[in-house]
């Protein structure tokens, strides 16, 4: 049974930092791409970042480029999202997702991912 468990969310002031973690089990983590998405109240779930199976390729939505960094540790079956210079508009529930392929093709599309975590809340106050 595939399980993705996010942690690290919380409340911070604008300009602060958080590091999200997503621990995966029940899948061949080192062979698949991983992604982070977020969903704010009243809005659709949107792509944030993705990383290929070996970490060689990373992708970001324009609004977080230069502030967020996605990384992975295949030995720990864990993917991370380091979030710096946080803004109130980053407030959302953040979800990690496991892709159906290794190369992050179609990384921004929800349909690329076949397993999702339960989400972790990130709240940024001004």
PDB file of N, CA and C in Angstrom:
ATOM      1  N   UNK A   1       0.842  -1.192   0.000  1.00  0.00           N
ATOM      2  CA  UNK A   1       0.000   0.000   0.000  1.00  0.00           C
ATOM      3  C   UNK A   1       0.882   1.249   0.000  1.00  0.00           C
ATOM      4  N   UNK A   2       0.642   2.109  -0.971  1.00  0.00           N
ATOM      5  CA  UNK A   2       1.422   3.332  -1.080  1.00  0.00           C
ATOM      6  C   UNK A   2       0.989   4.322  -0.011  1.00  0.00           C
ATOM      7  N   UNK A   3       1.985   4.904   0.653  1.00  0.00           N
ATOM      8  CA  UNK A   3       1.700   5.913   1.654  1.00  0.00           C
ATOM      9  C   UNK A   3       2.670   7.077   1.494  1.00  0.00           C
ATOM     10  N   UNK A   4       2.129   8.288   1.481  1.00  0.00           N
ATOM     11  CA  UNK A   4       2.926   9.509   1.454  1.00  0.00           C
ATOM     12  C   UNK A   4       2.497  10.338   2.652  1.00  0.00           C
ATOM     13  N   UNK A   5       3.455  10.674   3.497  1.00  0.00           N
ATOM     14  CA  UNK A   5       3.132  11.397   4.727  1.00  0.00           C
ATOM     15  C   UNK A   5       3.930  12.685   4.778  1.00  0.00           C
ATOM     16  N   UNK A   6       3.225  13.813   4.689  1.00  0.00           N
ATOM     17  CA  UNK A   6       3.874  15.118   4.749  1.00  0.00           C
ATOM     18  C   UNK A   6       4.017  15.588   6.191  1.00  0.00           C
ATOM     19  N   UNK A   7       5.023  16.392   6.416  1.00  0.00           N
ATOM     20  CA  UNK A   7       5.220  17.032   7.716  1.00  0.00           C
ATOM     21  C   UNK A   7       5.979  18.332   7.511  1.00  0.00           C
ATOM     22  N   UNK A   8       6.009  19.158   8.549  1.00  0.00           N
ATOM     23  CA  UNK A   8       6.792  20.374   8.498  1.00  0.00           C
ATOM     24  C   UNK A   8       6.006  21.645   8.274  1.00  0.00           C
ATOM     25  N   UNK A   9       4.716  21.523   8.071  1.00  0.00           N
ATOM     26  CA  UNK A   9       3.911  22.715   7.896  1.00  0.00           C
ATOM     27  C   UNK A   9       3.780  23.499   9.194  1.00  0.00           C
ATOM     28  N   UNK A  10       3.211  24.696   9.097  1.00  0.00           N
ATOM     29  CA  UNK A  10       3.027  25.520  10.283  1.00  0.00           C
ATOM     30  C   UNK A  10       2.686  26.932   9.914  1.00  0.00           C
ATOM     31  N   UNK A  11       2.786  27.807  10.909  1.00  0.00           N
ATOM     32  CA  UNK A  11       2.492  29.219  10.722  1.00  0.00           C
ATOM     33  C   UNK A  11       3.761  30.027  10.880  1.00  0.00           C
ATOM     34  N   UNK A  12       4.015  30.904   9.922  1.00  0.00           N
ATOM     35  CA  UNK A  12       5.197  31.769   9.965  1.00  0.00           C
ATOM     36  C   UNK A  12       4.796  33.162   9.506  1.00  0.00           C
ATOM     37  N   UNK A  13       5.651  34.112   9.814  1.00  0.00           N
ATOM     38  CA  UNK A  13       5.441  35.467   9.330  1.00  0.00           C
ATOM     39  C   UNK A  13       6.042  35.622   7.939  1.00  0.00           C
ATOM     40  N   UNK A  14       5.570  36.614   7.243  1.00  0.00           N
ATOM     41  CA  UNK A  14       6.088  36.898   5.917  1.00  0.00           C
ATOM     42  C   UNK A  14       7.611  37.059   5.977  1.00  0.00           C
ATOM     43  N   UNK A  15       8.288  36.435   5.022  1.00  0.00           N
ATOM     44  CA  UNK A  15       9.738  36.445   5.002  1.00  0.00           C
ATOM     45  C   UNK A  15      10.382  35.261   5.688  1.00  0.00           C
ATOM     46  N   UNK A  16       9.587  34.480   6.392  1.00  0.00           N
ATOM     47  CA  UNK A  16      10.102  33.327   7.101  1.00  0.00           C
ATOM     48  C   UNK A  16      10.326  32.122   6.210  1.00  0.00           C
ATOM     49  N   UNK A  17      10.743  31.024   6.841  1.00  0.00           N
ATOM     50  CA  UNK A  17      11.075  29.804   6.112  1.00  0.00           C
ATOM     51  C   UNK A  17      10.425  28.589   6.773  1.00  0.00           C
ATOM     52  N   UNK A  18      10.151  27.606   5.950  1.00  0.00           N
ATOM     53  CA  UNK A  18       9.688  26.305   6.411  1.00  0.00           C
ATOM     54  C   UNK A  18      10.290  25.236   5.522  1.00  0.00           C
ATOM     55  N   UNK A  19      10.456  24.048   6.071  1.00  0.00           N
ATOM     56  CA  UNK A  19      10.912  22.918   5.276  1.00  0.00           C
ATOM     57  C   UNK A  19       9.898  21.792   5.405  1.00  0.00           C
ATOM     58  N   UNK A  20       9.291  21.453   4.293  1.00  0.00           N
ATOM     59  CA  UNK A  20       8.342  20.355   4.264  1.00  0.00           C
ATOM     60  C   UNK A  20       9.061  19.061   3.919  1.00  0.00           C
ATOM     61  N   UNK A  21       8.596  17.988   4.513  1.00  0.00           N
ATOM     62  CA  UNK A  21       9.115  16.657   4.208  1.00  0.00           C
ATOM     63  C   UNK A  21       7.961  15.756   3.804  1.00  0.00           C
ATOM     64  N   UNK A  22       8.271  14.792   2.977  1.00  0.00           N
ATOM     65  CA  UNK A  22       7.276  13.803   2.561  1.00  0.00           C
ATOM     66  C   UNK A  22       7.956  12.435   2.568  1.00  0.00           C
ATOM     67  N   UNK A  23       7.543  11.603   3.499  1.00  0.00           N
ATOM     68  CA  UNK A  23       8.085  10.255   3.616  1.00  0.00           C
ATOM     69  C   UNK A  23       7.214   9.278   2.845  1.00  0.00           C
ATOM     70  N   UNK A  24       7.837   8.514   1.966  1.00  0.00           N
ATOM     71  CA  UNK A  24       7.098   7.596   1.103  1.00  0.00           C
ATOM     72  C   UNK A  24       7.361   6.145   1.486  1.00  0.00           C
ATOM     73  N   UNK A  25       6.342   5.327   1.317  1.00  0.00           N
ATOM     74  CA  UNK A  25       6.481   3.896   1.535  1.00  0.00           C
ATOM     75  C   UNK A  25       5.536   3.159   0.599  1.00  0.00           C
ATOM     76  N   UNK A  26       5.844   1.881   0.368  1.00  0.00           N
ATOM     77  CA  UNK A  26       4.982   1.070  -0.479  1.00  0.00           C
ATOM     78  C   UNK A  26       5.173   1.282  -1.958  1.00  0.00           C
ATOM     79  N   UNK A  27       6.248   1.946  -2.342  1.00  0.00           N
ATOM     80  CA  UNK A  27       6.544   2.157  -3.758  1.00  0.00           C
ATOM     81  C   UNK A  27       8.058   2.176  -3.956  1.00  0.00           C
ATOM     82  N   UNK A  28       8.473   2.069  -5.213  1.00  0.00           N
ATOM     83  CA  UNK A  28       9.901   2.107  -5.525  1.00  0.00           C
ATOM     84  C   UNK A  28      10.295   3.569  -5.689  1.00  0.00           C
ATOM     85  N   UNK A  29      10.519   4.195  -4.550  1.00  0.00           N
ATOM     86  CA  UNK A  29      10.704   5.646  -4.514  1.00  0.00           C
ATOM     87  C   UNK A  29      11.822   6.110  -5.426  1.00  0.00           C
ATOM     88  N   UNK A  30      12.922   5.402  -5.450  1.00  0.00           N
ATOM     89  CA  UNK A  30      14.100   5.849  -6.194  1.00  0.00           C
ATOM     90  C   UNK A  30      13.915   5.780  -7.708  1.00  0.00           C
ATOM     91  N   UNK A  31      12.790   5.241  -8.157  1.00  0.00           N
ATOM     92  CA  UNK A  31      12.565   5.089  -9.597  1.00  0.00           C
ATOM     93  C   UNK A  31      11.525   6.033 -10.166  1.00  0.00           C
ATOM     94  N   UNK A  32      10.979   6.895  -9.345  1.00  0.00           N
ATOM     95  CA  UNK A  32       9.887   7.746  -9.820  1.00  0.00           C
ATOM     96  C   UNK A  32      10.132   9.217  -9.488  1.00  0.00           C
ATOM     97  N   UNK A  33       9.564  10.065 -10.307  1.00  0.00           N
ATOM     98  CA  UNK A  33       9.582  11.492 -10.026  1.00  0.00           C
ATOM     99  C   UNK A  33       8.579  11.808  -8.906  1.00  0.00           C
ATOM    100  N   UNK A  34       8.822  12.929  -8.245  1.00  0.00           N
ATOM    101  CA  UNK A  34       7.945  13.363  -7.159  1.00  0.00           C
ATOM    102  C   UNK A  34       7.587  14.828  -7.359  1.00  0.00           C
ATOM    103  N   UNK A  35       6.443  15.203  -6.829  1.00  0.00           N
ATOM    104  CA  UNK A  35       6.017  16.584  -6.972  1.00  0.00           C
ATOM    105  C   UNK A  35       5.403  17.128  -5.703  1.00  0.00           C
ATOM    106  N   UNK A  36       5.348  18.448  -5.645  1.00  0.00           N
ATOM    107  CA  UNK A  36       4.629  19.161  -4.588  1.00  0.00           C
ATOM    108  C   UNK A  36       3.567  20.023  -5.260  1.00  0.00           C
ATOM    109  N   UNK A  37       2.390  19.999  -4.687  1.00  0.00           N
ATOM    110  CA  UNK A  37       1.287  20.838  -5.126  1.00  0.00           C
ATOM    111  C   UNK A  37       0.747  21.582  -3.906  1.00  0.00           C
ATOM    112  N   UNK A  38      -0.088  22.583  -4.155  1.00  0.00           N
ATOM    113  CA  UNK A  38      -0.727  23.294  -3.055  1.00  0.00           C
ATOM    114  C   UNK A  38      -2.137  23.698  -3.455  1.00  0.00           C
ATOM    115  N   UNK A  39      -2.958  23.858  -2.432  1.00  0.00           N
ATOM    116  CA  UNK A  39      -4.334  24.274  -2.666  1.00  0.00           C
ATOM    117  C   UNK A  39      -4.748  25.273  -1.601  1.00  0.00           C
ATOM    118  N   UNK A  40      -5.063  26.467  -2.046  1.00  0.00           N
ATOM    119  CA  UNK A  40      -5.548  27.527  -1.162  1.00  0.00           C
ATOM    120  C   UNK A  40      -7.068  27.457  -1.094  1.00  0.00           C
ATOM    121  N   UNK A  41      -7.663  27.996  -0.034  1.00  0.00           N
ATOM    122  CA  UNK A  41      -9.131  27.955   0.101  1.00  0.00           C
ATOM    123  C   UNK A  41      -9.821  28.567  -1.118  1.00  0.00           C
ATOM    124  N   UNK A  42     -10.775  27.844  -1.665  1.00  0.00           N
ATOM    125  CA  UNK A  42     -11.535  28.338  -2.798  1.00  0.00           C
ATOM    126  C   UNK A  42     -10.824  28.291  -4.131  1.00  0.00           C
ATOM    127  N   UNK A  43      -9.637  27.713  -4.141  1.00  0.00           N
ATOM    128  CA  UNK A  43      -8.874  27.644  -5.389  1.00  0.00           C
ATOM    129  C   UNK A  43      -8.586  26.199  -5.761  1.00  0.00           C
ATOM    130  N   UNK A  44      -8.205  26.005  -7.014  1.00  0.00           N
ATOM    131  CA  UNK A  44      -7.848  24.668  -7.476  1.00  0.00           C
ATOM    132  C   UNK A  44      -6.439  24.305  -6.999  1.00  0.00           C
ATOM    133  N   UNK A  45      -6.206  23.013  -6.921  1.00  0.00           N
ATOM    134  CA  UNK A  45      -4.868  22.544  -6.579  1.00  0.00           C
ATOM    135  C   UNK A  45      -3.904  22.919  -7.701  1.00  0.00           C
ATOM    136  N   UNK A  46      -2.752  23.454  -7.344  1.00  0.00           N
ATOM    137  CA  UNK A  46      -1.797  23.899  -8.355  1.00  0.00           C
ATOM    138  C   UNK A  46      -0.417  23.309  -8.121  1.00  0.00           C
ATOM    139  N   UNK A  47       0.294  23.166  -9.234  1.00  0.00           N
ATOM    140  CA  UNK A  47       1.659  22.656  -9.197  1.00  0.00           C
ATOM    141  C   UNK A  47       2.583  23.656  -8.522  1.00  0.00           C
ATOM    142  N   UNK A  48       3.530  23.133  -7.734  1.00  0.00           N
ATOM    143  CA  UNK A  48       4.537  23.972  -7.102  1.00  0.00           C
ATOM    144  C   UNK A  48       5.941  23.600  -7.580  1.00  0.00           C
ATOM    145  N   UNK A  49       6.291  22.320  -7.455  1.00  0.00           N
ATOM    146  CA  UNK A  49       7.643  21.890  -7.805  1.00  0.00           C
ATOM    147  C   UNK A  49       7.648  20.399  -8.101  1.00  0.00           C
ATOM    148  N   UNK A  50       8.641  19.967  -8.887  1.00  0.00           N
ATOM    149  CA  UNK A  50       8.793  18.548  -9.189  1.00  0.00           C
ATOM    150  C   UNK A  50      10.267  18.220  -9.319  1.00  0.00           C
ATOM    151  N   UNK A  51      10.577  16.945  -9.122  1.00  0.00           N
ATOM    152  CA  UNK A  51      11.968  16.494  -9.189  1.00  0.00           C
ATOM    153  C   UNK A  51      11.998  15.113  -9.830  1.00  0.00           C
ATOM    154  N   UNK A  52      12.959  14.902 -10.715  1.00  0.00           N
ATOM    155  CA  UNK A  52      13.081  13.619 -11.387  1.00  0.00           C
ATOM    156  C   UNK A  52      13.601  12.558 -10.424  1.00  0.00           C
ATOM    157  N   UNK A  53      13.607  11.323 -10.877  1.00  0.00           N
ATOM    158  CA  UNK A  53      13.921  10.197  -9.998  1.00  0.00           C
ATOM    159  C   UNK A  53      15.272  10.291  -9.316  1.00  0.00           C
ATOM    160  N   UNK A  54      16.245  10.891  -9.994  1.00  0.00           N
ATOM    161  CA  UNK A  54      17.593  10.955  -9.435  1.00  0.00           C
ATOM    162  C   UNK A  54      17.961  12.361  -8.956  1.00  0.00           C
ATOM    163  N   UNK A  55      17.005  13.265  -8.993  1.00  0.00           N
ATOM    164  CA  UNK A  55      17.257  14.624  -8.531  1.00  0.00           C
ATOM    165  C   UNK A  55      17.971  15.507  -9.532  1.00  0.00           C
ATOM    166  N   UNK A  56      18.261  14.988 -10.718  1.00  0.00           N
ATOM    167  CA  UNK A  56      19.031  15.750 -11.689  1.00  0.00           C
ATOM    168  C   UNK A  56      18.235  16.901 -12.301  1.00  0.00           C
ATOM    169  N   UNK A  57      16.937  16.745 -12.351  1.00  0.00           N
ATOM    170  CA  UNK A  57      16.072  17.764 -12.964  1.00  0.00           C
ATOM    171  C   UNK A  57      14.997  18.217 -11.980  1.00  0.00           C
ATOM    172  N   UNK A  58      14.872  19.522 -11.859  1.00  0.00           N
ATOM    173  CA  UNK A  58      13.852  20.106 -10.992  1.00  0.00           C
ATOM    174  C   UNK A  58      13.065  21.152 -11.773  1.00  0.00           C
ATOM    175  N   UNK A  59      11.828  21.339 -11.375  1.00  0.00           N
ATOM    176  CA  UNK A  59      10.921  22.243 -12.066  1.00  0.00           C
ATOM    177  C   UNK A  59      10.101  23.005 -11.022  1.00  0.00           C
ATOM    178  N   UNK A  60       9.802  24.268 -11.325  1.00  0.00           N
ATOM    179  CA  UNK A  60       9.075  25.098 -10.381  1.00  0.00           C
ATOM    180  C   UNK A  60       8.045  25.951 -11.105  1.00  0.00           C
ATOM    181  N   UNK A  61       6.970  26.252 -10.415  1.00  0.00           N
ATOM    182  CA  UNK A  61       6.052  27.268 -10.914  1.00  0.00           C
ATOM    183  C   UNK A  61       6.749  28.612 -10.770  1.00  0.00           C
ATOM    184  N   UNK A  62       6.473  29.519 -11.681  1.00  0.00           N
ATOM    185  CA  UNK A  62       7.196  30.794 -11.707  1.00  0.00           C
ATOM    186  C   UNK A  62       7.124  31.543 -10.372  1.00  0.00           C
ATOM    187  N   UNK A  63       6.007  31.466  -9.699  1.00  0.00           N
ATOM    188  CA  UNK A  63       5.809  32.256  -8.485  1.00  0.00           C
ATOM    189  C   UNK A  63       6.707  31.846  -7.320  1.00  0.00           C
ATOM    190  N   UNK A  64       7.339  30.676  -7.395  1.00  0.00           N
ATOM    191  CA  UNK A  64       8.197  30.238  -6.291  1.00  0.00           C
ATOM    192  C   UNK A  64       9.666  30.117  -6.696  1.00  0.00           C
ATOM    193  N   UNK A  65       9.959  30.335  -7.951  1.00  0.00           N
ATOM    194  CA  UNK A  65      11.353  30.230  -8.409  1.00  0.00           C
ATOM    195  C   UNK A  65      12.237  31.199  -7.634  1.00  0.00           C
ATOM    196  N   UNK A  66      13.391  30.689  -7.192  1.00  0.00           N
ATOM    197  CA  UNK A  66      14.314  31.505  -6.416  1.00  0.00           C
ATOM    198  C   UNK A  66      14.010  31.534  -4.937  1.00  0.00           C
ATOM    199  N   UNK A  67      12.840  31.029  -4.537  1.00  0.00           N
ATOM    200  CA  UNK A  67      12.468  31.008  -3.118  1.00  0.00           C
ATOM    201  C   UNK A  67      12.332  29.581  -2.577  1.00  0.00           C
ATOM    202  N   UNK A  68      11.833  28.681  -3.394  1.00  0.00           N
ATOM    203  CA  UNK A  68      11.611  27.292  -2.974  1.00  0.00           C
ATOM    204  C   UNK A  68      12.640  26.379  -3.635  1.00  0.00           C
ATOM    205  N   UNK A  69      13.010  25.320  -2.931  1.00  0.00           N
ATOM    206  CA  UNK A  69      13.918  24.318  -3.475  1.00  0.00           C
ATOM    207  C   UNK A  69      13.399  22.926  -3.163  1.00  0.00           C
ATOM    208  N   UNK A  70      13.228  22.133  -4.191  1.00  0.00           N
ATOM    209  CA  UNK A  70      12.823  20.746  -4.009  1.00  0.00           C
ATOM    210  C   UNK A  70      14.063  19.865  -4.051  1.00  0.00           C
ATOM    211  N   UNK A  71      14.092  18.862  -3.195  1.00  0.00           N
ATOM    212  CA  UNK A  71      15.220  17.925  -3.171  1.00  0.00           C
ATOM    213  C   UNK A  71      14.703  16.570  -2.711  1.00  0.00           C
ATOM    214  N   UNK A  72      15.556  15.566  -2.817  1.00  0.00           N
ATOM    215  CA  UNK A  72      15.141  14.237  -2.399  1.00  0.00           C
ATOM    216  C   UNK A  72      16.325  13.465  -1.851  1.00  0.00           C
ATOM    217  N   UNK A  73      16.014  12.511  -0.995  1.00  0.00           N
ATOM    218  CA  UNK A  73      17.010  11.600  -0.448  1.00  0.00           C
ATOM    219  C   UNK A  73      16.463  10.196  -0.700  1.00  0.00           C
ATOM    220  N   UNK A  74      16.965   9.550  -1.723  1.00  0.00           N
ATOM    221  CA  UNK A  74      16.446   8.237  -2.094  1.00  0.00           C
ATOM    222  C   UNK A  74      16.772   7.180  -1.044  1.00  0.00           C
ATOM    223  N   UNK A  75      17.808   7.388  -0.277  1.00  0.00           N
ATOM    224  CA  UNK A  75      18.142   6.436   0.788  1.00  0.00           C
ATOM    225  C   UNK A  75      17.119   6.485   1.915  1.00  0.00           C
ATOM    226  N   UNK A  76      16.449   7.630   2.049  1.00  0.00           N
ATOM    227  CA  UNK A  76      15.454   7.802   3.107  1.00  0.00           C
ATOM    228  C   UNK A  76      14.025   7.798   2.572  1.00  0.00           C
ATOM    229  N   UNK A  77      13.882   7.590   1.265  1.00  0.00           N
ATOM    230  CA  UNK A  77      12.544   7.614   0.647  1.00  0.00           C
ATOM    231  C   UNK A  77      11.789   8.887   1.008  1.00  0.00           C
ATOM    232  N   UNK A  78      12.485  10.009   0.931  1.00  0.00           N
ATOM    233  CA  UNK A  78      11.901  11.268   1.366  1.00  0.00           C
ATOM    234  C   UNK A  78      12.173  12.368   0.342  1.00  0.00           C
ATOM    235  N   UNK A  79      11.163  13.178   0.105  1.00  0.00           N
ATOM    236  CA  UNK A  79      11.304  14.360  -0.726  1.00  0.00           C
ATOM    237  C   UNK A  79      11.038  15.583   0.154  1.00  0.00           C
ATOM    238  N   UNK A  80      11.764  16.658  -0.134  1.00  0.00           N
ATOM    239  CA  UNK A  80      11.692  17.867   0.681  1.00  0.00           C
ATOM    240  C   UNK A  80      11.278  19.068  -0.158  1.00  0.00           C
ATOM    241  N   UNK A  81      10.733  20.059   0.512  1.00  0.00           N
ATOM    242  CA  UNK A  81      10.476  21.349  -0.114  1.00  0.00           C
ATOM    243  C   UNK A  81      10.932  22.421   0.867  1.00  0.00           C
ATOM    244  N   UNK A  82      12.067  23.028   0.567  1.00  0.00           N
ATOM    245  CA  UNK A  82      12.566  24.138   1.371  1.00  0.00           C
ATOM    246  C   UNK A  82      11.922  25.420   0.858  1.00  0.00           C
ATOM    247  N   UNK A  83      11.234  26.119   1.745  1.00  0.00           N
ATOM    248  CA  UNK A  83      10.510  27.325   1.355  1.00  0.00           C
ATOM    249  C   UNK A  83      11.083  28.516   2.110  1.00  0.00           C
ATOM    250  N   UNK A  84      11.673  29.432   1.385  1.00  0.00           N
ATOM    251  CA  UNK A  84      12.256  30.645   1.962  1.00  0.00           C
ATOM    252  C   UNK A  84      11.491  31.871   1.472  1.00  0.00           C
ATOM    253  N   UNK A  85      11.700  32.974   2.161  1.00  0.00           N
ATOM    254  CA  UNK A  85      11.059  34.247   1.785  1.00  0.00           C
ATOM    255  C   UNK A  85       9.562  34.054   1.558  1.00  0.00           C
ATOM    256  N   UNK A  86       8.933  33.410   2.481  1.00  0.00           N
ATOM    257  CA  UNK A  86       7.517  33.089   2.325  1.00  0.00           C
ATOM    258  C   UNK A  86       6.657  34.341   2.300  1.00  0.00           C
ATOM    259  N   UNK A  87       5.593  34.273   1.517  1.00  0.00           N
ATOM    260  CA  UNK A  87       4.665  35.380   1.348  1.00  0.00           C
ATOM    261  C   UNK A  87       3.261  34.922   1.755  1.00  0.00           C
ATOM    262  N   UNK A  88       2.400  35.859   2.111  1.00  0.00           N
ATOM    263  CA  UNK A  88       1.023  35.475   2.468  1.00  0.00           C
ATOM    264  C   UNK A  88       0.330  34.665   1.368  1.00  0.00           C
ATOM    265  N   UNK A  89       0.642  34.951   0.112  1.00  0.00           N
ATOM    266  CA  UNK A  89       0.017  34.214  -0.990  1.00  0.00           C
ATOM    267  C   UNK A  89       0.512  32.776  -1.106  1.00  0.00           C
ATOM    268  N   UNK A  90       1.510  32.392  -0.308  1.00  0.00           N
ATOM    269  CA  UNK A  90       1.940  30.992  -0.267  1.00  0.00           C
ATOM    270  C   UNK A  90       1.072  30.164   0.682  1.00  0.00           C
ATOM    271  N   UNK A  91       0.185  30.823   1.412  1.00  0.00           N
ATOM    272  CA  UNK A  91      -0.696  30.113   2.337  1.00  0.00           C
ATOM    273  C   UNK A  91      -1.566  29.114   1.593  1.00  0.00           C
ATOM    274  N   UNK A  92      -1.493  27.851   2.015  1.00  0.00           N
ATOM    275  CA  UNK A  92      -2.242  26.783   1.348  1.00  0.00           C
ATOM    276  C   UNK A  92      -1.985  25.471   2.088  1.00  0.00           C
ATOM    277  N   UNK A  93      -2.730  24.469   1.704  1.00  0.00           N
ATOM    278  CA  UNK A  93      -2.394  23.103   2.098  1.00  0.00           C
ATOM    279  C   UNK A  93      -1.449  22.561   1.030  1.00  0.00           C
ATOM    280  N   UNK A  94      -0.321  22.032   1.458  1.00  0.00           N
ATOM    281  CA  UNK A  94       0.694  21.518   0.541  1.00  0.00           C
ATOM    282  C   UNK A  94       0.637  19.996   0.524  1.00  0.00           C
ATOM    283  N   UNK A  95       0.644  19.448  -0.700  1.00  0.00           N
ATOM    284  CA  UNK A  95       0.551  18.011  -0.900  1.00  0.00           C
ATOM    285  C   UNK A  95       1.774  17.508  -1.660  1.00  0.00           C
ATOM    286  N   UNK A  96       2.310  16.374  -1.246  1.00  0.00           N
ATOM    287  CA  UNK A  96       3.309  15.731  -2.092  1.00  0.00           C
ATOM    288  C   UNK A  96       2.608  14.643  -2.905  1.00  0.00           C
ATOM    289  N   UNK A  97       3.218  14.317  -4.031  1.00  0.00           N
ATOM    290  CA  UNK A  97       2.600  13.373  -4.952  1.00  0.00           C
ATOM    291  C   UNK A  97       3.670  12.538  -5.626  1.00  0.00           C
ATOM    292  N   UNK A  98       3.325  11.285  -5.878  1.00  0.00           N
ATOM    293  CA  UNK A  98       4.236  10.359  -6.549  1.00  0.00           C
ATOM    294  C   UNK A  98       3.814  10.200  -7.993  1.00  0.00           C
ATOM    295  N   UNK A  99       4.782  10.375  -8.887  1.00  0.00           N
ATOM    296  CA  UNK A  99       4.485  10.272 -10.313  1.00  0.00           C
ATOM    297  C   UNK A  99       4.381   8.819 -10.753  1.00  0.00           C
ATOM    298  N   UNK A 100       3.827   8.644 -11.920  1.00  0.00           N
ATOM    299  CA  UNK A 100       3.749   7.310 -12.516  1.00  0.00           C
ATOM    300  C   UNK A 100       4.967   7.028 -13.394  1.00  0.00           C
ATOM    301  N   UNK A 101       5.929   7.952 -13.463  1.00  0.00           N
ATOM    302  CA  UNK A 101       7.093   7.782 -14.321  1.00  0.00           C
ATOM    303  C   UNK A 101       8.318   8.401 -13.677  1.00  0.00           C
ATOM    304  N   UNK A 102       9.514   8.097 -14.181  1.00  0.00           N
ATOM    305  CA  UNK A 102      10.742   8.568 -13.523  1.00  0.00           C
ATOM    306  C   UNK A 102      11.208   9.957 -13.931  1.00  0.00           C
ATOM    307  N   UNK A 103      10.754  10.428 -15.088  1.00  0.00           N
ATOM    308  CA  UNK A 103      11.413  11.577 -15.685  1.00  0.00           C
ATOM    309  C   UNK A 103      10.679  12.899 -15.525  1.00  0.00           C
ATOM    310  N   UNK A 104       9.663  12.947 -14.704  1.00  0.00           N
ATOM    311  CA  UNK A 104       8.932  14.185 -14.435  1.00  0.00           C
ATOM    312  C   UNK A 104       8.278  14.761 -15.689  1.00  0.00           C
ATOM    313  N   UNK A 105       8.116  13.954 -16.720  1.00  0.00           N
ATOM    314  CA  UNK A 105       7.364  14.407 -17.890  1.00  0.00           C
ATOM    315  C   UNK A 105       5.939  14.720 -17.470  1.00  0.00           C
ATOM    316  N   UNK A 106       5.430  15.848 -17.933  1.00  0.00           N
ATOM    317  CA  UNK A 106       4.086  16.238 -17.527  1.00  0.00           C
ATOM    318  C   UNK A 106       4.016  16.603 -16.070  1.00  0.00           C
ATOM    319  N   UNK A 107       5.100  17.156 -15.564  1.00  0.00           N
ATOM    320  CA  UNK A 107       5.254  17.373 -14.124  1.00  0.00           C
ATOM    321  C   UNK A 107       4.213  18.303 -13.526  1.00  0.00           C
ATOM    322  N   UNK A 108       3.628  19.178 -14.311  1.00  0.00           N
ATOM    323  CA  UNK A 108       2.686  20.145 -13.751  1.00  0.00           C
ATOM    324  C   UNK A 108       1.247  19.651 -13.742  1.00  0.00           C
ATOM    325  N   UNK A 109       1.003  18.525 -14.342  1.00  0.00           N
ATOM    326  CA  UNK A 109      -0.367  18.018 -14.471  1.00  0.00           C
ATOM    327  C   UNK A 109      -0.710  17.079 -13.325  1.00  0.00           C
ATOM    328  N   UNK A 110      -1.870  17.296 -12.719  1.00  0.00           N
ATOM    329  CA  UNK A 110      -2.298  16.410 -11.634  1.00  0.00           C
ATOM    330  C   UNK A 110      -2.391  14.963 -12.098  1.00  0.00           C
ATOM    331  N   UNK A 111      -2.770  14.757 -13.342  1.00  0.00           N
ATOM    332  CA  UNK A 111      -2.981  13.402 -13.852  1.00  0.00           C
ATOM    333  C   UNK A 111      -1.700  12.592 -13.972  1.00  0.00           C
ATOM    334  N   UNK A 112      -0.546  13.273 -13.884  1.00  0.00           N
ATOM    335  CA  UNK A 112       0.741  12.581 -13.950  1.00  0.00           C
ATOM    336  C   UNK A 112       1.001  11.776 -12.675  1.00  0.00           C
ATOM    337  N   UNK A 113       0.348  12.147 -11.607  1.00  0.00           N
ATOM    338  CA  UNK A 113       0.622  11.589 -10.287  1.00  0.00           C
ATOM    339  C   UNK A 113      -0.468  10.606  -9.871  1.00  0.00           C
ATOM    340  N   UNK A 114      -0.038   9.485  -9.329  1.00  0.00           N
ATOM    341  CA  UNK A 114      -1.017   8.453  -8.984  1.00  0.00           C
ATOM    342  C   UNK A 114      -1.079   8.148  -7.492  1.00  0.00           C
ATOM    343  N   UNK A 115      -0.390   8.926  -6.691  1.00  0.00           N
ATOM    344  CA  UNK A 115      -0.500   8.773  -5.238  1.00  0.00           C
ATOM    345  C   UNK A 115      -0.282  10.134  -4.593  1.00  0.00           C
ATOM    346  N   UNK A 116      -1.063  10.416  -3.563  1.00  0.00           N
ATOM    347  CA  UNK A 116      -1.042  11.728  -2.914  1.00  0.00           C
ATOM    348  C   UNK A 116      -0.986  11.574  -1.398  1.00  0.00           C
ATOM    349  N   UNK A 117      -0.313  12.536  -0.764  1.00  0.00           N
ATOM    350  CA  UNK A 117      -0.337  12.588   0.682  1.00  0.00           C
ATOM    351  C   UNK A 117      -1.599  13.270   1.177  1.00  0.00           C
ATOM    352  N   UNK A 118      -1.701  13.367   2.489  1.00  0.00           N
ATOM    353  CA  UNK A 118      -2.897  13.942   3.100  1.00  0.00           C
ATOM    354  C   UNK A 118      -2.827  15.467   3.186  1.00  0.00           C
ATOM    355  N   UNK A 119      -1.659  16.020   2.988  1.00  0.00           N
ATOM    356  CA  UNK A 119      -1.496  17.465   2.993  1.00  0.00           C
ATOM    357  C   UNK A 119      -1.024  18.000   4.333  1.00  0.00           C
ATOM    358  N   UNK A 120      -0.334  19.131   4.290  1.00  0.00           N
ATOM    359  CA  UNK A 120       0.111  19.826   5.497  1.00  0.00           C
ATOM    360  C   UNK A 120      -0.136  21.319   5.297  1.00  0.00           C
ATOM    361  N   UNK A 121      -0.679  21.956   6.319  1.00  0.00           N
ATOM    362  CA  UNK A 121      -1.067  23.353   6.216  1.00  0.00           C
ATOM    363  C   UNK A 121       0.124  24.275   6.392  1.00  0.00           C
ATOM    364  N   UNK A 122       0.244  25.236   5.498  1.00  0.00           N
ATOM    365  CA  UNK A 122       1.232  26.309   5.615  1.00  0.00           C
ATOM    366  C   UNK A 122       0.473  27.631   5.639  1.00  0.00           C
ATOM    367  N   UNK A 123       0.708  28.407   6.682  1.00  0.00           N
ATOM    368  CA  UNK A 123       0.042  29.695   6.834  1.00  0.00           C
ATOM    369  C   UNK A 123       1.099  30.777   7.008  1.00  0.00           C
ATOM    370  N   UNK A 124       1.056  31.778   6.150  1.00  0.00           N
ATOM    371  CA  UNK A 124       2.015  32.878   6.196  1.00  0.00           C
ATOM    372  C   UNK A 124       1.252  34.164   6.488  1.00  0.00           C
ATOM    373  N   UNK A 125       1.600  34.814   7.568  1.00  0.00           N
ATOM    374  CA  UNK A 125       0.924  36.050   7.957  1.00  0.00           C
ATOM    375  C   UNK A 125       1.782  37.254   7.601  1.00  0.00           C
ATOM    376  N   UNK A 126       1.094  38.342   7.298  1.00  0.00           N
ATOM    377  CA  UNK A 126       1.824  39.553   6.883  1.00  0.00           C
ATOM    378  C   UNK A 126       2.229  40.390   8.082  1.00  0.00           C
TER     379      UNK A 126
END
